[in-house]
């Protein structure tokens, strides 16, 4: 595989962004779940389904 430095940097930046988004989604799920508010959990479920 012959990637240029610019291509590799772009790939690594994209991976880092995806990782941050996953971590943020996990934090959101844990935070809302810890609150135990059924309405908030249902709203989050709708939002997550909409993004897919």
PDB file of N, CA and C in Angstrom:
ATOM      1  N   UNK A   1       0.844  -1.177   0.000  1.00  0.00           N
ATOM      2  CA  UNK A   1       0.000   0.000   0.000  1.00  0.00           C
ATOM      3  C   UNK A   1       0.891   1.242   0.000  1.00  0.00           C
ATOM      4  N   UNK A   2       0.649   2.074  -0.931  1.00  0.00           N
ATOM      5  CA  UNK A   2       1.456   3.279  -1.062  1.00  0.00           C
ATOM      6  C   UNK A   2       0.591   4.510  -0.836  1.00  0.00           C
ATOM      7  N   UNK A   3       0.532   4.939   0.388  1.00  0.00           N
ATOM      8  CA  UNK A   3      -0.210   6.145   0.735  1.00  0.00           C
ATOM      9  C   UNK A   3       0.740   7.323   0.833  1.00  0.00           C
ATOM     10  N   UNK A   4       0.262   8.479   0.412  1.00  0.00           N
ATOM     11  CA  UNK A   4       1.067   9.682   0.602  1.00  0.00           C
ATOM     12  C   UNK A   4       0.930  10.128   2.048  1.00  0.00           C
ATOM     13  N   UNK A   5       1.824  10.999   2.459  1.00  0.00           N
ATOM     14  CA  UNK A   5       1.755  11.525   3.822  1.00  0.00           C
ATOM     15  C   UNK A   5       0.444  12.268   4.053  1.00  0.00           C
ATOM     16  N   UNK A   6       0.006  13.028   3.068  1.00  0.00           N
ATOM     17  CA  UNK A   6      -1.256  13.770   3.196  1.00  0.00           C
ATOM     18  C   UNK A   6      -2.442  12.818   3.337  1.00  0.00           C
ATOM     19  N   UNK A   7      -2.445  11.743   2.569  1.00  0.00           N
ATOM     20  CA  UNK A   7      -3.525  10.759   2.666  1.00  0.00           C
ATOM     21  C   UNK A   7      -3.528  10.092   4.040  1.00  0.00           C
ATOM     22  N   UNK A   8      -2.357   9.764   4.525  1.00  0.00           N
ATOM     23  CA  UNK A   8      -2.260   9.116   5.837  1.00  0.00           C
ATOM     24  C   UNK A   8      -2.721  10.059   6.943  1.00  0.00           C
ATOM     25  N   UNK A   9      -2.315  11.321   6.868  1.00  0.00           N
ATOM     26  CA  UNK A   9      -2.759  12.302   7.857  1.00  0.00           C
ATOM     27  C   UNK A   9      -4.272  12.463   7.829  1.00  0.00           C
ATOM     28  N   UNK A  10      -4.860  12.526   6.646  1.00  0.00           N
ATOM     29  CA  UNK A  10      -6.309  12.656   6.523  1.00  0.00           C
ATOM     30  C   UNK A  10      -7.017  11.439   7.114  1.00  0.00           C
ATOM     31  N   UNK A  11      -6.483  10.266   6.843  1.00  0.00           N
ATOM     32  CA  UNK A  11      -7.056   9.040   7.378  1.00  0.00           C
ATOM     33  C   UNK A  11      -7.006   9.030   8.902  1.00  0.00           C
ATOM     34  N   UNK A  12      -5.871   9.402   9.474  1.00  0.00           N
ATOM     35  CA  UNK A  12      -5.733   9.412  10.928  1.00  0.00           C
ATOM     36  C   UNK A  12      -6.637  10.453  11.575  1.00  0.00           C
ATOM     37  N   UNK A  13      -6.778  11.605  10.945  1.00  0.00           N
ATOM     38  CA  UNK A  13      -7.685  12.636  11.471  1.00  0.00           C
ATOM     39  C   UNK A  13      -9.131  12.149  11.433  1.00  0.00           C
ATOM     40  N   UNK A  14      -9.516  11.485  10.348  1.00  0.00           N
ATOM     41  CA  UNK A  14     -10.877  10.964  10.242  1.00  0.00           C
ATOM     42  C   UNK A  14     -11.123   9.899  11.314  1.00  0.00           C
ATOM     43  N   UNK A  15     -10.160   9.025  11.530  1.00  0.00           N
ATOM     44  CA  UNK A  15     -10.292   8.001  12.569  1.00  0.00           C
ATOM     45  C   UNK A  15     -10.423   8.626  13.949  1.00  0.00           C
ATOM     46  N   UNK A  16      -9.643   9.652  14.222  1.00  0.00           N
ATOM     47  CA  UNK A  16      -9.700  10.323  15.521  1.00  0.00           C
ATOM     48  C   UNK A  16     -11.072  10.972  15.719  1.00  0.00           C
ATOM     49  N   UNK A  17     -11.612  11.584  14.656  1.00  0.00           N
ATOM     50  CA  UNK A  17     -12.926  12.215  14.744  1.00  0.00           C
ATOM     51  C   UNK A  17     -14.006  11.174  15.019  1.00  0.00           C
ATOM     52  N   UNK A  18     -13.933  10.046  14.339  1.00  0.00           N
ATOM     53  CA  UNK A  18     -14.907   8.970  14.548  1.00  0.00           C
ATOM     54  C   UNK A  18     -14.814   8.443  15.982  1.00  0.00           C
ATOM     55  N   UNK A  19     -13.594   8.278  16.481  1.00  0.00           N
ATOM     56  CA  UNK A  19     -13.415   7.818  17.868  1.00  0.00           C
ATOM     57  C   UNK A  19     -14.028   8.795  18.864  1.00  0.00           C
ATOM     58  N   UNK A  20     -13.797  10.099  18.638  1.00  0.00           N
ATOM     59  CA  UNK A  20     -14.379  11.107  19.540  1.00  0.00           C
ATOM     60  C   UNK A  20     -15.905  11.061  19.496  1.00  0.00           C
ATOM     61  N   UNK A  21     -16.468  10.881  18.307  1.00  0.00           N
ATOM     62  CA  UNK A  21     -17.926  10.807  18.190  1.00  0.00           C
ATOM     63  C   UNK A  21     -18.477   9.586  18.921  1.00  0.00           C
ATOM     64  N   UNK A  22     -17.790   8.461  18.815  1.00  0.00           N
ATOM     65  CA  UNK A  22     -18.213   7.245  19.522  1.00  0.00           C
ATOM     66  C   UNK A  22     -18.148   7.436  21.029  1.00  0.00           C
ATOM     67  N   UNK A  23     -17.057   8.038  21.490  1.00  0.00           N
ATOM     68  CA  UNK A  23     -16.915   8.282  22.927  1.00  0.00           C
ATOM     69  C   UNK A  23     -17.994   9.240  23.432  1.00  0.00           C
ATOM     70  N   UNK A  24     -18.296  10.261  22.658  1.00  0.00           N
ATOM     71  CA  UNK A  24     -19.340  11.205  23.042  1.00  0.00           C
ATOM     72  C   UNK A  24     -20.694  10.508  23.094  1.00  0.00           C
ATOM     73  N   UNK A  25     -20.982   9.653  22.121  1.00  0.00           N
ATOM     74  CA  UNK A  25     -22.243   8.910  22.129  1.00  0.00           C
ATOM     75  C   UNK A  25     -22.326   8.001  23.346  1.00  0.00           C
ATOM     76  N   UNK A  26     -21.222   7.344  23.688  1.00  0.00           N
ATOM     77  CA  UNK A  26     -21.199   6.476  24.860  1.00  0.00           C
ATOM     78  C   UNK A  26     -21.423   7.275  26.134  1.00  0.00           C
ATOM     79  N   UNK A  27     -20.763   8.414  26.242  1.00  0.00           N
ATOM     80  CA  UNK A  27     -20.944   9.269  27.407  1.00  0.00           C
ATOM     81  C   UNK A  27     -22.398   9.737  27.515  1.00  0.00           C
ATOM     82  N   UNK A  28     -22.990  10.084  26.410  1.00  0.00           N
ATOM     83  CA  UNK A  28     -24.385  10.523  26.409  1.00  0.00           C
ATOM     84  C   UNK A  28     -25.303   9.412  26.894  1.00  0.00           C
ATOM     85  N   UNK A  29     -25.097   8.204  26.381  1.00  0.00           N
ATOM     86  CA  UNK A  29     -25.928   7.069  26.785  1.00  0.00           C
ATOM     87  C   UNK A  29     -25.776   6.795  28.273  1.00  0.00           C
ATOM     88  N   UNK A  30     -24.542   6.790  28.764  1.00  0.00           N
ATOM     89  CA  UNK A  30     -24.297   6.508  30.181  1.00  0.00           C
ATOM     90  C   UNK A  30     -24.894   7.606  31.058  1.00  0.00           C
ATOM     91  N   UNK A  31     -24.709   8.849  30.655  1.00  0.00           N
ATOM     92  CA  UNK A  31     -25.221   9.973  31.449  1.00  0.00           C
ATOM     93  C   UNK A  31     -26.738   9.942  31.545  1.00  0.00           C
ATOM     94  N   UNK A  32     -27.386   9.758  30.425  1.00  0.00           N
ATOM     95  CA  UNK A  32     -28.849   9.734  30.432  1.00  0.00           C
ATOM     96  C   UNK A  32     -29.355   8.497  31.157  1.00  0.00           C
ATOM     97  N   UNK A  33     -28.692   7.363  30.939  1.00  0.00           N
ATOM     98  CA  UNK A  33     -29.092   6.144  31.640  1.00  0.00           C
ATOM     99  C   UNK A  33     -28.945   6.270  33.142  1.00  0.00           C
ATOM    100  N   UNK A  34     -27.915   6.964  33.588  1.00  0.00           N
ATOM    101  CA  UNK A  34     -27.676   7.129  35.020  1.00  0.00           C
ATOM    102  C   UNK A  34     -28.743   8.011  35.665  1.00  0.00           C
ATOM    103  N   UNK A  35     -29.298   8.920  34.897  1.00  0.00           N
ATOM    104  CA  UNK A  35     -30.344   9.791  35.422  1.00  0.00           C
ATOM    105  C   UNK A  35     -31.652   9.024  35.623  1.00  0.00           C
ATOM    106  N   UNK A  36     -31.835   7.974  34.828  1.00  0.00           N
ATOM    107  CA  UNK A  36     -33.010   7.147  34.986  1.00  0.00           C
ATOM    108  C   UNK A  36     -34.313   7.764  34.492  1.00  0.00           C
ATOM    109  N   UNK A  37     -34.228   8.828  33.722  1.00  0.00           N
ATOM    110  CA  UNK A  37     -35.409   9.492  33.201  1.00  0.00           C
ATOM    111  C   UNK A  37     -35.875   8.775  31.932  1.00  0.00           C
ATOM    112  N   UNK A  38     -37.010   8.102  32.008  1.00  0.00           N
ATOM    113  CA  UNK A  38     -37.504   7.300  30.888  1.00  0.00           C
ATOM    114  C   UNK A  38     -37.707   8.144  29.636  1.00  0.00           C
ATOM    115  N   UNK A  39     -38.239   9.326  29.780  1.00  0.00           N
ATOM    116  CA  UNK A  39     -38.487  10.188  28.625  1.00  0.00           C
ATOM    117  C   UNK A  39     -37.176  10.576  27.936  1.00  0.00           C
ATOM    118  N   UNK A  40     -36.152  10.872  28.715  1.00  0.00           N
ATOM    119  CA  UNK A  40     -34.855  11.233  28.141  1.00  0.00           C
ATOM    120  C   UNK A  40     -34.232  10.057  27.405  1.00  0.00           C
ATOM    121  N   UNK A  41     -34.368   8.869  27.973  1.00  0.00           N
ATOM    122  CA  UNK A  41     -33.834   7.667  27.324  1.00  0.00           C
ATOM    123  C   UNK A  41     -34.557   7.422  26.007  1.00  0.00           C
ATOM    124  N   UNK A  42     -35.856   7.579  25.992  1.00  0.00           N
ATOM    125  CA  UNK A  42     -36.621   7.380  24.761  1.00  0.00           C
ATOM    126  C   UNK A  42     -36.258   8.422  23.702  1.00  0.00           C
ATOM    127  N   UNK A  43     -36.042   9.668  24.120  1.00  0.00           N
ATOM    128  CA  UNK A  43     -35.615  10.707  23.178  1.00  0.00           C
ATOM    129  C   UNK A  43     -34.267  10.356  22.570  1.00  0.00           C
ATOM    130  N   UNK A  44     -33.354   9.901  23.408  1.00  0.00           N
ATOM    131  CA  UNK A  44     -32.034   9.520  22.929  1.00  0.00           C
ATOM    132  C   UNK A  44     -32.133   8.356  21.944  1.00  0.00           C
ATOM    133  N   UNK A  45     -32.973   7.389  22.239  1.00  0.00           N
ATOM    134  CA  UNK A  45     -33.153   6.259  21.331  1.00  0.00           C
ATOM    135  C   UNK A  45     -33.636   6.742  19.964  1.00  0.00           C
ATOM    136  N   UNK A  46     -34.592   7.667  19.960  1.00  0.00           N
ATOM    137  CA  UNK A  46     -35.095   8.201  18.691  1.00  0.00           C
ATOM    138  C   UNK A  46     -33.990   8.940  17.935  1.00  0.00           C
ATOM    139  N   UNK A  47     -33.194   9.726  18.648  1.00  0.00           N
ATOM    140  CA  UNK A  47     -32.099  10.456  18.013  1.00  0.00           C
ATOM    141  C   UNK A  47     -31.067   9.508  17.416  1.00  0.00           C
ATOM    142  N   UNK A  48     -30.702   8.480  18.155  1.00  0.00           N
ATOM    143  CA  UNK A  48     -29.699   7.538  17.672  1.00  0.00           C
ATOM    144  C   UNK A  48     -30.205   6.757  16.472  1.00  0.00           C
ATOM    145  N   UNK A  49     -31.461   6.399  16.468  1.00  0.00           N
ATOM    146  CA  UNK A  49     -32.023   5.694  15.313  1.00  0.00           C
ATOM    147  C   UNK A  49     -32.083   6.597  14.100  1.00  0.00           C
ATOM    148  N   UNK A  50     -32.356   7.873  14.318  1.00  0.00           N
ATOM    149  CA  UNK A  50     -32.450   8.829  13.218  1.00  0.00           C
ATOM    150  C   UNK A  50     -31.110   9.041  12.536  1.00  0.00           C
ATOM    151  N   UNK A  51     -30.007   9.005  13.292  1.00  0.00           N
ATOM    152  CA  UNK A  51     -28.683   9.245  12.743  1.00  0.00           C
ATOM    153  C   UNK A  51     -28.192   8.075  11.894  1.00  0.00           C
ATOM    154  N   UNK A  52     -28.667   6.877  12.138  1.00  0.00           N
ATOM    155  CA  UNK A  52     -28.190   5.696  11.391  1.00  0.00           C
ATOM    156  C   UNK A  52     -28.672   5.658   9.994  1.00  0.00           C
TER     157      UNK A  52
END
